[in-house]
Amino acid sequence: MPLGGGNKCGCCQKTVYFAEEVQCEGRSFHRSCFLCMVCRKCLDSTTVAVHENEVYCKACYGKKYGPKGYGYGAGAGTLSMDKGESLGIKPVEHGTGVVSDVRSAARGWNLQL
């Protein structure tokens, strides 16, 4: 421990006293300096993720360094232009959209919409 009272903060490089110290990866931080590098959220031992001496919350770490591409965060609400030809589904030639296709199918079954 240095002669000035405590270790130096990994963020602001000022002295960290025991009562305000948070340790992560062998470095000391002030509680007020132990923030996510992206969203500036306060971190603790359960929400911290470290990458090359930078601290992130788990959500920002996942966005920045997590897997990318379709299926990772795209969600079920993603629009697709796939018409289903690869699955053997034939496009409907007489209808202009899903609603007309449903109505024509309902007429074939004598259903009312």
PDB file of N, CA and C in Angstrom:
ATOM      1  N   MET A   1       0.856  -1.173   0.000  1.00  0.00           N
ATOM      2  CA  MET A   1       0.000   0.000   0.000  1.00  0.00           C
ATOM      3  C   MET A   1       0.905   1.239   0.000  1.00  0.00           C
ATOM      4  N   PRO A   2       0.625   2.213  -0.845  1.00  0.00           N
ATOM      5  CA  PRO A   2       1.446   3.427  -0.889  1.00  0.00           C
ATOM      6  C   PRO A   2       1.329   4.235   0.407  1.00  0.00           C
ATOM      7  N   LEU A   3       2.257   5.132   0.585  1.00  0.00           N
ATOM      8  CA  LEU A   3       2.351   5.910   1.816  1.00  0.00           C
ATOM      9  C   LEU A   3       1.252   6.965   1.947  1.00  0.00           C
ATOM     10  N   GLY A   4       0.475   7.237   0.934  1.00  0.00           N
ATOM     11  CA  GLY A   4      -0.534   8.279   0.970  1.00  0.00           C
ATOM     12  C   GLY A   4      -1.858   7.857   1.574  1.00  0.00           C
ATOM     13  N   GLY A   5      -2.006   6.653   2.063  1.00  0.00           N
ATOM     14  CA  GLY A   5      -3.239   6.249   2.706  1.00  0.00           C
ATOM     15  C   GLY A   5      -3.909   5.064   2.049  1.00  0.00           C
ATOM     16  N   GLY A   6      -3.843   4.910   0.738  1.00  0.00           N
ATOM     17  CA  GLY A   6      -4.516   3.807   0.075  1.00  0.00           C
ATOM     18  C   GLY A   6      -4.028   3.605  -1.340  1.00  0.00           C
ATOM     19  N   ASN A   7      -4.634   2.654  -2.019  1.00  0.00           N
ATOM     20  CA  ASN A   7      -4.294   2.380  -3.414  1.00  0.00           C
ATOM     21  C   ASN A   7      -4.843   3.476  -4.314  1.00  0.00           C
ATOM     22  N   LYS A   8      -4.374   3.508  -5.553  1.00  0.00           N
ATOM     23  CA  LYS A   8      -4.861   4.476  -6.534  1.00  0.00           C
ATOM     24  C   LYS A   8      -6.044   3.876  -7.294  1.00  0.00           C
ATOM     25  N   CYS A   9      -7.040   4.705  -7.573  1.00  0.00           N
ATOM     26  CA  CYS A   9      -8.241   4.284  -8.294  1.00  0.00           C
ATOM     27  C   CYS A   9      -7.877   3.934  -9.742  1.00  0.00           C
ATOM     28  N   GLY A  10      -8.437   2.850 -10.251  1.00  0.00           N
ATOM     29  CA  GLY A  10      -8.192   2.439 -11.624  1.00  0.00           C
ATOM     30  C   GLY A  10      -8.830   3.360 -12.644  1.00  0.00           C
ATOM     31  N   CYS A  11      -9.697   4.255 -12.210  1.00  0.00           N
ATOM     32  CA  CYS A  11     -10.375   5.172 -13.124  1.00  0.00           C
ATOM     33  C   CYS A  11      -9.812   6.591 -13.025  1.00  0.00           C
ATOM     34  N   CYS A  12      -9.855   7.161 -11.832  1.00  0.00           N
ATOM     35  CA  CYS A  12      -9.465   8.572 -11.675  1.00  0.00           C
ATOM     36  C   CYS A  12      -8.040   8.753 -11.148  1.00  0.00           C
ATOM     37  N   GLN A  13      -7.373   7.679 -10.766  1.00  0.00           N
ATOM     38  CA  GLN A  13      -5.999   7.688 -10.268  1.00  0.00           C
ATOM     39  C   GLN A  13      -5.805   8.449  -8.959  1.00  0.00           C
ATOM     40  N   LYS A  14      -6.879   8.722  -8.232  1.00  0.00           N
ATOM     41  CA  LYS A  14      -6.779   9.355  -6.910  1.00  0.00           C
ATOM     42  C   LYS A  14      -6.723   8.260  -5.852  1.00  0.00           C
ATOM     43  N   THR A  15      -6.357   8.619  -4.646  1.00  0.00           N
ATOM     44  CA  THR A  15      -6.236   7.658  -3.561  1.00  0.00           C
ATOM     45  C   THR A  15      -7.598   7.102  -3.172  1.00  0.00           C
ATOM     46  N   VAL A  16      -7.656   5.776  -3.034  1.00  0.00           N
ATOM     47  CA  VAL A  16      -8.876   5.093  -2.615  1.00  0.00           C
ATOM     48  C   VAL A  16      -8.685   4.639  -1.178  1.00  0.00           C
ATOM     49  N   TYR A  17      -9.515   5.129  -0.279  1.00  0.00           N
ATOM     50  CA  TYR A  17      -9.441   4.724   1.121  1.00  0.00           C
ATOM     51  C   TYR A  17     -10.288   3.483   1.340  1.00  0.00           C
ATOM     52  N   PHE A  18      -9.987   2.751   2.380  1.00  0.00           N
ATOM     53  CA  PHE A  18     -10.582   1.443   2.631  1.00  0.00           C
ATOM     54  C   PHE A  18     -12.111   1.474   2.643  1.00  0.00           C
ATOM     55  N   ALA A  19     -12.704   2.497   3.224  1.00  0.00           N
ATOM     56  CA  ALA A  19     -14.159   2.569   3.370  1.00  0.00           C
ATOM     57  C   ALA A  19     -14.880   2.729   2.033  1.00  0.00           C
ATOM     58  N   GLU A  20     -14.214   3.251   1.008  1.00  0.00           N
ATOM     59  CA  GLU A  20     -14.854   3.485  -0.287  1.00  0.00           C
ATOM     60  C   GLU A  20     -14.281   2.598  -1.390  1.00  0.00           C
ATOM     61  N   GLU A  21     -13.541   1.562  -1.027  1.00  0.00           N
ATOM     62  CA  GLU A  21     -12.821   0.754  -2.007  1.00  0.00           C
ATOM     63  C   GLU A  21     -13.669  -0.399  -2.545  1.00  0.00           C
ATOM     64  N   VAL A  22     -13.592  -0.569  -3.863  1.00  0.00           N
ATOM     65  CA  VAL A  22     -14.159  -1.726  -4.556  1.00  0.00           C
ATOM     66  C   VAL A  22     -13.012  -2.318  -5.355  1.00  0.00           C
ATOM     67  N   GLN A  23     -12.790  -3.631  -5.210  1.00  0.00           N
ATOM     68  CA  GLN A  23     -11.704  -4.265  -5.944  1.00  0.00           C
ATOM     69  C   GLN A  23     -12.251  -5.127  -7.065  1.00  0.00           C
ATOM     70  N   CYS A  24     -11.588  -5.051  -8.206  1.00  0.00           N
ATOM     71  CA  CYS A  24     -11.968  -5.840  -9.374  1.00  0.00           C
ATOM     72  C   CYS A  24     -10.710  -6.146 -10.164  1.00  0.00           C
ATOM     73  N   GLU A  25     -10.466  -7.437 -10.424  1.00  0.00           N
ATOM     74  CA  GLU A  25      -9.312  -7.861 -11.209  1.00  0.00           C
ATOM     75  C   GLU A  25      -7.995  -7.318 -10.632  1.00  0.00           C
ATOM     76  N   GLY A  26      -7.899  -7.247  -9.314  1.00  0.00           N
ATOM     77  CA  GLY A  26      -6.677  -6.789  -8.666  1.00  0.00           C
ATOM     78  C   GLY A  26      -6.489  -5.282  -8.649  1.00  0.00           C
ATOM     79  N   ARG A  27      -7.441  -4.540  -9.152  1.00  0.00           N
ATOM     80  CA  ARG A  27      -7.378  -3.083  -9.148  1.00  0.00           C
ATOM     81  C   ARG A  27      -8.388  -2.537  -8.158  1.00  0.00           C
ATOM     82  N   SER A  28      -8.115  -1.367  -7.625  1.00  0.00           N
ATOM     83  CA  SER A  28      -9.014  -0.701  -6.684  1.00  0.00           C
ATOM     84  C   SER A  28      -9.744   0.436  -7.388  1.00  0.00           C
ATOM     85  N   PHE A  29     -11.007   0.648  -6.980  1.00  0.00           N
ATOM     86  CA  PHE A  29     -11.829   1.723  -7.530  1.00  0.00           C
ATOM     87  C   PHE A  29     -12.586   2.389  -6.399  1.00  0.00           C
ATOM     88  N   HIS A  30     -12.924   3.670  -6.569  1.00  0.00           N
ATOM     89  CA  HIS A  30     -13.915   4.303  -5.698  1.00  0.00           C
ATOM     90  C   HIS A  30     -15.273   3.710  -6.062  1.00  0.00           C
ATOM     91  N   ARG A  31     -16.192   3.644  -5.118  1.00  0.00           N
ATOM     92  CA  ARG A  31     -17.535   3.155  -5.451  1.00  0.00           C
ATOM     93  C   ARG A  31     -18.170   4.039  -6.530  1.00  0.00           C
ATOM     94  N   SER A  32     -17.912   5.332  -6.469  1.00  0.00           N
ATOM     95  CA  SER A  32     -18.503   6.258  -7.446  1.00  0.00           C
ATOM     96  C   SER A  32     -17.815   6.196  -8.807  1.00  0.00           C
ATOM     97  N   CYS A  33     -16.616   5.611  -8.890  1.00  0.00           N
ATOM     98  CA  CYS A  33     -15.900   5.475 -10.164  1.00  0.00           C
ATOM     99  C   CYS A  33     -16.121   4.112 -10.807  1.00  0.00           C
ATOM    100  N   PHE A  34     -16.682   3.164 -10.084  1.00  0.00           N
ATOM    101  CA  PHE A  34     -16.863   1.804 -10.591  1.00  0.00           C
ATOM    102  C   PHE A  34     -18.133   1.753 -11.431  1.00  0.00           C
ATOM    103  N   LEU A  35     -18.041   2.302 -12.661  1.00  0.00           N
ATOM    104  CA  LEU A  35     -19.172   2.462 -13.574  1.00  0.00           C
ATOM    105  C   LEU A  35     -18.882   1.772 -14.895  1.00  0.00           C
ATOM    106  N   CYS A  36     -19.937   1.407 -15.604  1.00  0.00           N
ATOM    107  CA  CYS A  36     -19.816   0.831 -16.942  1.00  0.00           C
ATOM    108  C   CYS A  36     -19.210   1.883 -17.878  1.00  0.00           C
ATOM    109  N   MET A  37     -18.311   1.451 -18.745  1.00  0.00           N
ATOM    110  CA  MET A  37     -17.643   2.381 -19.673  1.00  0.00           C
ATOM    111  C   MET A  37     -18.606   2.931 -20.729  1.00  0.00           C
ATOM    112  N   VAL A  38     -19.718   2.241 -20.985  1.00  0.00           N
ATOM    113  CA  VAL A  38     -20.643   2.668 -22.040  1.00  0.00           C
ATOM    114  C   VAL A  38     -21.833   3.422 -21.464  1.00  0.00           C
ATOM    115  N   CYS A  39     -22.607   2.758 -20.584  1.00  0.00           N
ATOM    116  CA  CYS A  39     -23.863   3.354 -20.118  1.00  0.00           C
ATOM    117  C   CYS A  39     -23.732   4.060 -18.772  1.00  0.00           C
ATOM    118  N   ARG A  40     -22.589   3.973 -18.139  1.00  0.00           N
ATOM    119  CA  ARG A  40     -22.270   4.643 -16.866  1.00  0.00           C
ATOM    120  C   ARG A  40     -23.139   4.153 -15.703  1.00  0.00           C
ATOM    121  N   LYS A  41     -23.640   2.916 -15.768  1.00  0.00           N
ATOM    122  CA  LYS A  41     -24.393   2.318 -14.672  1.00  0.00           C
ATOM    123  C   LYS A  41     -23.437   1.911 -13.558  1.00  0.00           C
ATOM    124  N   CYS A  42     -23.876   2.021 -12.307  1.00  0.00           N
ATOM    125  CA  CYS A  42     -23.080   1.550 -11.174  1.00  0.00           C
ATOM    126  C   CYS A  42     -22.948   0.036 -11.252  1.00  0.00           C
ATOM    127  N   LEU A  43     -21.756  -0.468 -10.984  1.00  0.00           N
ATOM    128  CA  LEU A  43     -21.485  -1.894 -11.073  1.00  0.00           C
ATOM    129  C   LEU A  43     -21.260  -2.496  -9.697  1.00  0.00           C
ATOM    130  N   ASP A  44     -21.429  -3.809  -9.613  1.00  0.00           N
ATOM    131  CA  ASP A  44     -21.040  -4.562  -8.427  1.00  0.00           C
ATOM    132  C   ASP A  44     -20.491  -5.903  -8.908  1.00  0.00           C
ATOM    133  N   SER A  45     -20.203  -6.795  -7.989  1.00  0.00           N
ATOM    134  CA  SER A  45     -19.549  -8.052  -8.358  1.00  0.00           C
ATOM    135  C   SER A  45     -20.419  -8.945  -9.231  1.00  0.00           C
ATOM    136  N   THR A  46     -21.727  -8.770  -9.212  1.00  0.00           N
ATOM    137  CA  THR A  46     -22.603  -9.623 -10.012  1.00  0.00           C
ATOM    138  C   THR A  46     -22.900  -9.047 -11.393  1.00  0.00           C
ATOM    139  N   THR A  47     -22.660  -7.767 -11.612  1.00  0.00           N
ATOM    140  CA  THR A  47     -22.998  -7.143 -12.893  1.00  0.00           C
ATOM    141  C   THR A  47     -21.784  -6.731 -13.708  1.00  0.00           C
ATOM    142  N   VAL A  48     -20.575  -6.971 -13.218  1.00  0.00           N
ATOM    143  CA  VAL A  48     -19.376  -6.506 -13.904  1.00  0.00           C
ATOM    144  C   VAL A  48     -18.877  -7.549 -14.910  1.00  0.00           C
ATOM    145  N   ALA A  49     -18.365  -7.063 -16.041  1.00  0.00           N
ATOM    146  CA  ALA A  49     -17.677  -7.874 -17.039  1.00  0.00           C
ATOM    147  C   ALA A  49     -16.449  -7.081 -17.457  1.00  0.00           C
ATOM    148  N   VAL A  50     -15.272  -7.715 -17.440  1.00  0.00           N
ATOM    149  CA  VAL A  50     -14.009  -7.022 -17.711  1.00  0.00           C
ATOM    150  C   VAL A  50     -13.468  -7.480 -19.049  1.00  0.00           C
ATOM    151  N   HIS A  51     -12.988  -6.511 -19.844  1.00  0.00           N
ATOM    152  CA  HIS A  51     -12.339  -6.813 -21.120  1.00  0.00           C
ATOM    153  C   HIS A  51     -11.140  -5.891 -21.265  1.00  0.00           C
ATOM    154  N   GLU A  52      -9.938  -6.457 -21.210  1.00  0.00           N
ATOM    155  CA  GLU A  52      -8.684  -5.706 -21.367  1.00  0.00           C
ATOM    156  C   GLU A  52      -8.643  -4.449 -20.502  1.00  0.00           C
ATOM    157  N   ASN A  53      -8.801  -4.605 -19.205  1.00  0.00           N
ATOM    158  CA  ASN A  53      -8.740  -3.514 -18.217  1.00  0.00           C
ATOM    159  C   ASN A  53      -9.869  -2.488 -18.365  1.00  0.00           C
ATOM    160  N   GLU A  54     -10.903  -2.798 -19.083  1.00  0.00           N
ATOM    161  CA  GLU A  54     -12.082  -1.939 -19.174  1.00  0.00           C
ATOM    162  C   GLU A  54     -13.238  -2.670 -18.512  1.00  0.00           C
ATOM    163  N   VAL A  55     -14.040  -1.946 -17.726  1.00  0.00           N
ATOM    164  CA  VAL A  55     -15.168  -2.569 -17.028  1.00  0.00           C
ATOM    165  C   VAL A  55     -16.478  -2.174 -17.701  1.00  0.00           C
ATOM    166  N   TYR A  56     -17.363  -3.157 -17.865  1.00  0.00           N
ATOM    167  CA  TYR A  56     -18.658  -2.973 -18.504  1.00  0.00           C
ATOM    168  C   TYR A  56     -19.721  -3.670 -17.663  1.00  0.00           C
ATOM    169  N   CYS A  57     -20.972  -3.251 -17.819  1.00  0.00           N
ATOM    170  CA  CYS A  57     -22.066  -4.046 -17.277  1.00  0.00           C
ATOM    171  C   CYS A  57     -22.249  -5.219 -18.245  1.00  0.00           C
ATOM    172  N   LYS A  58     -22.919  -6.255 -17.813  1.00  0.00           N
ATOM    173  CA  LYS A  58     -23.044  -7.450 -18.649  1.00  0.00           C
ATOM    174  C   LYS A  58     -23.829  -7.173 -19.928  1.00  0.00           C
ATOM    175  N   ALA A  59     -24.801  -6.279 -19.872  1.00  0.00           N
ATOM    176  CA  ALA A  59     -25.590  -5.958 -21.067  1.00  0.00           C
ATOM    177  C   ALA A  59     -24.735  -5.255 -22.121  1.00  0.00           C
ATOM    178  N   CYS A  60     -23.964  -4.254 -21.732  1.00  0.00           N
ATOM    179  CA  CYS A  60     -23.115  -3.525 -22.683  1.00  0.00           C
ATOM    180  C   CYS A  60     -21.979  -4.406 -23.197  1.00  0.00           C
ATOM    181  N   TYR A  61     -21.448  -5.260 -22.324  1.00  0.00           N
ATOM    182  CA  TYR A  61     -20.393  -6.185 -22.739  1.00  0.00           C
ATOM    183  C   TYR A  61     -20.923  -7.125 -23.818  1.00  0.00           C
ATOM    184  N   GLY A  62     -22.138  -7.627 -23.629  1.00  0.00           N
ATOM    185  CA  GLY A  62     -22.736  -8.515 -24.612  1.00  0.00           C
ATOM    186  C   GLY A  62     -22.983  -7.827 -25.936  1.00  0.00           C
ATOM    187  N   LYS A  63     -23.414  -6.577 -25.909  1.00  0.00           N
ATOM    188  CA  LYS A  63     -23.657  -5.825 -27.140  1.00  0.00           C
ATOM    189  C   LYS A  63     -22.357  -5.557 -27.885  1.00  0.00           C
ATOM    190  N   LYS A  64     -21.291  -5.273 -27.135  1.00  0.00           N
ATOM    191  CA  LYS A  64     -20.030  -4.887 -27.760  1.00  0.00           C
ATOM    192  C   LYS A  64     -19.184  -6.085 -28.179  1.00  0.00           C
ATOM    193  N   TYR A  65     -19.131  -7.127 -27.351  1.00  0.00           N
ATOM    194  CA  TYR A  65     -18.229  -8.246 -27.605  1.00  0.00           C
ATOM    195  C   TYR A  65     -18.940  -9.581 -27.788  1.00  0.00           C
ATOM    196  N   GLY A  66     -20.266  -9.604 -27.695  1.00  0.00           N
ATOM    197  CA  GLY A  66     -21.006 -10.852 -27.821  1.00  0.00           C
ATOM    198  C   GLY A  66     -21.147 -11.281 -29.263  1.00  0.00           C
ATOM    199  N   PRO A  67     -21.801 -12.416 -29.481  1.00  0.00           N
ATOM    200  CA  PRO A  67     -21.984 -12.911 -30.853  1.00  0.00           C
ATOM    201  C   PRO A  67     -22.863 -11.974 -31.667  1.00  0.00           C
ATOM    202  N   LYS A  68     -22.566 -11.873 -32.947  1.00  0.00           N
ATOM    203  CA  LYS A  68     -23.300 -10.994 -33.849  1.00  0.00           C
ATOM    204  C   LYS A  68     -23.954 -11.835 -34.937  1.00  0.00           C
ATOM    205  N   GLY A  69     -24.956 -11.286 -35.564  1.00  0.00           N
ATOM    206  CA  GLY A  69     -25.592 -11.942 -36.699  1.00  0.00           C
ATOM    207  C   GLY A  69     -27.032 -12.279 -36.419  1.00  0.00           C
ATOM    208  N   TYR A  70     -27.651 -12.935 -37.364  1.00  0.00           N
ATOM    209  CA  TYR A  70     -29.065 -13.274 -37.263  1.00  0.00           C
ATOM    210  C   TYR A  70     -29.269 -14.300 -36.164  1.00  0.00           C
ATOM    211  N   GLY A  71     -30.274 -14.096 -35.352  1.00  0.00           N
ATOM    212  CA  GLY A  71     -30.561 -15.013 -34.263  1.00  0.00           C
ATOM    213  C   GLY A  71     -29.999 -14.542 -32.938  1.00  0.00           C
ATOM    214  N   TYR A  72     -29.119 -13.567 -32.945  1.00  0.00           N
ATOM    215  CA  TYR A  72     -28.553 -13.017 -31.723  1.00  0.00           C
ATOM    216  C   TYR A  72     -29.090 -11.611 -31.535  1.00  0.00           C
ATOM    217  N   GLY A  73     -30.247 -11.491 -30.920  1.00  0.00           N
ATOM    218  CA  GLY A  73     -30.821 -10.190 -30.659  1.00  0.00           C
ATOM    219  C   GLY A  73     -31.787  -9.720 -31.729  1.00  0.00           C
ATOM    220  N   ALA A  74     -31.971 -10.504 -32.790  1.00  0.00           N
ATOM    221  CA  ALA A  74     -32.896 -10.088 -33.838  1.00  0.00           C
ATOM    222  C   ALA A  74     -34.328 -10.183 -33.353  1.00  0.00           C
ATOM    223  N   GLY A  75     -34.633 -11.193 -32.571  1.00  0.00           N
ATOM    224  CA  GLY A  75     -35.951 -11.327 -31.972  1.00  0.00           C
ATOM    225  C   GLY A  75     -36.978 -11.908 -32.925  1.00  0.00           C
ATOM    226  N   ALA A  76     -38.134 -12.203 -32.385  1.00  0.00           N
ATOM    227  CA  ALA A  76     -39.198 -12.823 -33.164  1.00  0.00           C
ATOM    228  C   ALA A  76     -39.913 -11.808 -34.044  1.00  0.00           C
ATOM    229  N   GLY A  77     -39.739 -10.519 -33.778  1.00  0.00           N
ATOM    230  CA  GLY A  77     -40.434  -9.494 -34.539  1.00  0.00           C
ATOM    231  C   GLY A  77     -39.717  -9.091 -35.804  1.00  0.00           C
ATOM    232  N   THR A  78     -38.653  -9.797 -36.168  1.00  0.00           N
ATOM    233  CA  THR A  78     -37.888  -9.447 -37.354  1.00  0.00           C
ATOM    234  C   THR A  78     -38.652  -9.844 -38.609  1.00  0.00           C
ATOM    235  N   LEU A  79     -38.720  -8.934 -39.558  1.00  0.00           N
ATOM    236  CA  LEU A  79     -39.402  -9.216 -40.811  1.00  0.00           C
ATOM    237  C   LEU A  79     -38.500 -10.033 -41.717  1.00  0.00           C
ATOM    238  N   SER A  80     -39.100 -10.924 -42.450  1.00  0.00           N
ATOM    239  CA  SER A  80     -38.355 -11.761 -43.379  1.00  0.00           C
ATOM    240  C   SER A  80     -39.035 -11.705 -44.739  1.00  0.00           C
ATOM    241  N   MET A  81     -38.261 -11.658 -45.790  1.00  0.00           N
ATOM    242  CA  MET A  81     -38.805 -11.640 -47.148  1.00  0.00           C
ATOM    243  C   MET A  81     -38.842 -13.042 -47.733  1.00  0.00           C
ATOM    244  N   ASP A  82     -38.525 -14.054 -46.942  1.00  0.00           N
ATOM    245  CA  ASP A  82     -38.538 -15.438 -47.397  1.00  0.00           C
ATOM    246  C   ASP A  82     -39.977 -15.872 -47.651  1.00  0.00           C
ATOM    247  N   LYS A  83     -40.254 -16.373 -48.839  1.00  0.00           N
ATOM    248  CA  LYS A  83     -41.607 -16.801 -49.193  1.00  0.00           C
ATOM    249  C   LYS A  83     -41.820 -18.280 -48.939  1.00  0.00           C
ATOM    250  N   GLY A  84     -40.782 -19.003 -48.561  1.00  0.00           N
ATOM    251  CA  GLY A  84     -40.906 -20.405 -48.219  1.00  0.00           C
ATOM    252  C   GLY A  84     -40.628 -21.364 -49.355  1.00  0.00           C
ATOM    253  N   GLU A  85     -40.028 -20.910 -50.459  1.00  0.00           N
ATOM    254  CA  GLU A  85     -39.735 -21.799 -51.573  1.00  0.00           C
ATOM    255  C   GLU A  85     -38.789 -22.917 -51.165  1.00  0.00           C
ATOM    256  N   SER A  86     -37.853 -22.643 -50.270  1.00  0.00           N
ATOM    257  CA  SER A  86     -36.910 -23.667 -49.836  1.00  0.00           C
ATOM    258  C   SER A  86     -37.582 -24.770 -49.035  1.00  0.00           C
ATOM    259  N   LEU A  87     -38.771 -24.499 -48.498  1.00  0.00           N
ATOM    260  CA  LEU A  87     -39.517 -25.484 -47.725  1.00  0.00           C
ATOM    261  C   LEU A  87     -40.591 -26.177 -48.558  1.00  0.00           C
ATOM    262  N   GLY A  88     -40.660 -25.865 -49.854  1.00  0.00           N
ATOM    263  CA  GLY A  88     -41.647 -26.476 -50.721  1.00  0.00           C
ATOM    264  C   GLY A  88     -42.977 -25.757 -50.742  1.00  0.00           C
ATOM    265  N   ILE A  89     -43.041 -24.554 -50.204  1.00  0.00           N
ATOM    266  CA  ILE A  89     -44.276 -23.781 -50.197  1.00  0.00           C
ATOM    267  C   ILE A  89     -44.354 -23.002 -51.504  1.00  0.00           C
ATOM    268  N   LYS A  90     -45.462 -23.160 -52.216  1.00  0.00           N
ATOM    269  CA  LYS A  90     -45.635 -22.485 -53.497  1.00  0.00           C
ATOM    270  C   LYS A  90     -46.320 -21.144 -53.273  1.00  0.00           C
ATOM    271  N   PRO A  91     -45.835 -20.075 -53.916  1.00  0.00           N
ATOM    272  CA  PRO A  91     -46.482 -18.765 -53.761  1.00  0.00           C
ATOM    273  C   PRO A  91     -47.876 -18.766 -54.388  1.00  0.00           C
ATOM    274  N   VAL A  92     -48.794 -18.025 -53.766  1.00  0.00           N
ATOM    275  CA  VAL A  92     -50.162 -17.904 -54.264  1.00  0.00           C
ATOM    276  C   VAL A  92     -50.169 -16.853 -55.354  1.00  0.00           C
ATOM    277  N   GLU A  93     -50.685 -17.209 -56.544  1.00  0.00           N
ATOM    278  CA  GLU A  93     -50.651 -16.296 -57.682  1.00  0.00           C
ATOM    279  C   GLU A  93     -51.839 -15.367 -57.735  1.00  0.00           C
ATOM    280  N   HIS A  94     -52.991 -15.796 -57.242  1.00  0.00           N
ATOM    281  CA  HIS A  94     -54.181 -14.965 -57.390  1.00  0.00           C
ATOM    282  C   HIS A  94     -54.338 -13.949 -56.265  1.00  0.00           C
ATOM    283  N   GLY A  95     -53.736 -14.144 -55.136  1.00  0.00           N
ATOM    284  CA  GLY A  95     -53.891 -13.223 -54.003  1.00  0.00           C
ATOM    285  C   GLY A  95     -52.795 -12.180 -53.977  1.00  0.00           C
ATOM    286  N   THR A  96     -53.091 -11.063 -53.350  1.00  0.00           N
ATOM    287  CA  THR A  96     -52.088 -10.011 -53.239  1.00  0.00           C
ATOM    288  C   THR A  96     -51.460  -9.965 -51.856  1.00  0.00           C
ATOM    289  N   GLY A  97     -52.037 -10.711 -50.942  1.00  0.00           N
ATOM    290  CA  GLY A  97     -51.496 -10.671 -49.590  1.00  0.00           C
ATOM    291  C   GLY A  97     -52.092 -11.750 -48.728  1.00  0.00           C
ATOM    292  N   VAL A  98     -51.714 -11.748 -47.503  1.00  0.00           N
ATOM    293  CA  VAL A  98     -52.146 -12.762 -46.561  1.00  0.00           C
ATOM    294  C   VAL A  98     -53.633 -12.685 -46.308  1.00  0.00           C
ATOM    295  N   VAL A  99     -54.184 -11.476 -46.205  1.00  0.00           N
ATOM    296  CA  VAL A  99     -55.600 -11.320 -45.893  1.00  0.00           C
ATOM    297  C   VAL A  99     -56.453 -11.916 -46.997  1.00  0.00           C
ATOM    298  N   SER A 100     -56.118 -11.670 -48.269  1.00  0.00           N
ATOM    299  CA  SER A 100     -56.919 -12.219 -49.361  1.00  0.00           C
ATOM    300  C   SER A 100     -56.779 -13.733 -49.412  1.00  0.00           C
ATOM    301  N   ASP A 101     -55.601 -14.270 -49.077  1.00  0.00           N
ATOM    302  CA  ASP A 101     -55.406 -15.714 -49.071  1.00  0.00           C
ATOM    303  C   ASP A 101     -56.245 -16.357 -47.981  1.00  0.00           C
ATOM    304  N   VAL A 102     -56.330 -15.716 -46.819  1.00  0.00           N
ATOM    305  CA  VAL A 102     -57.136 -16.237 -45.719  1.00  0.00           C
ATOM    306  C   VAL A 102     -58.609 -16.192 -46.089  1.00  0.00           C
ATOM    307  N   ARG A 103     -59.035 -15.108 -46.744  1.00  0.00           N
ATOM    308  CA  ARG A 103     -60.441 -14.999 -47.141  1.00  0.00           C
ATOM    309  C   ARG A 103     -60.803 -16.052 -48.184  1.00  0.00           C
ATOM    310  N   SER A 104     -59.920 -16.287 -49.140  1.00  0.00           N
ATOM    311  CA  SER A 104     -60.225 -17.293 -50.156  1.00  0.00           C
ATOM    312  C   SER A 104     -60.242 -18.689 -49.545  1.00  0.00           C
ATOM    313  N   ALA A 105     -59.377 -18.951 -48.597  1.00  0.00           N
ATOM    314  CA  ALA A 105     -59.397 -20.248 -47.909  1.00  0.00           C
ATOM    315  C   ALA A 105     -60.665 -20.386 -47.075  1.00  0.00           C
ATOM    316  N   ALA A 106     -61.112 -19.282 -46.459  1.00  0.00           N
ATOM    317  CA  ALA A 106     -62.326 -19.318 -45.636  1.00  0.00           C
ATOM    318  C   ALA A 106     -63.535 -19.568 -46.516  1.00  0.00           C
ATOM    319  N   ARG A 107     -63.569 -18.985 -47.718  1.00  0.00           N
ATOM    320  CA  ARG A 107     -64.690 -19.229 -48.635  1.00  0.00           C
ATOM    321  C   ARG A 107     -64.753 -20.688 -49.031  1.00  0.00           C
ATOM    322  N   GLY A 108     -63.581 -21.310 -49.212  1.00  0.00           N
ATOM    323  CA  GLY A 108     -63.543 -22.720 -49.572  1.00  0.00           C
ATOM    324  C   GLY A 108     -64.088 -23.603 -48.471  1.00  0.00           C
ATOM    325  N   TRP A 109     -63.976 -23.165 -47.237  1.00  0.00           N
ATOM    326  CA  TRP A 109     -64.480 -23.933 -46.079  1.00  0.00           C
ATOM    327  C   TRP A 109     -65.823 -23.409 -45.599  1.00  0.00           C
ATOM    328  N   ASN A 110     -66.377 -22.452 -46.303  1.00  0.00           N
ATOM    329  CA  ASN A 110     -67.654 -21.812 -45.945  1.00  0.00           C
ATOM    330  C   ASN A 110     -67.611 -21.179 -44.558  1.00  0.00           C
ATOM    331  N   LEU A 111     -66.538 -20.470 -44.267  1.00  0.00           N
ATOM    332  CA  LEU A 111     -66.402 -19.752 -42.996  1.00  0.00           C
ATOM    333  C   LEU A 111     -66.621 -18.279 -43.247  1.00  0.00           C
ATOM    334  N   GLN A 112     -67.072 -17.569 -42.229  1.00  0.00           N
ATOM    335  CA  GLN A 112     -67.240 -16.123 -42.341  1.00  0.00           C
ATOM    336  C   GLN A 112     -66.159 -15.427 -41.529  1.00  0.00           C
ATOM    337  N   LEU A 113     -65.546 -14.402 -42.110  1.00  0.00           N
ATOM    338  CA  LEU A 113     -64.533 -13.606 -41.410  1.00  0.00           C
ATOM    339  C   LEU A 113     -65.060 -12.229 -41.137  1.00  0.00           C
TER     340      LEU A 113
END
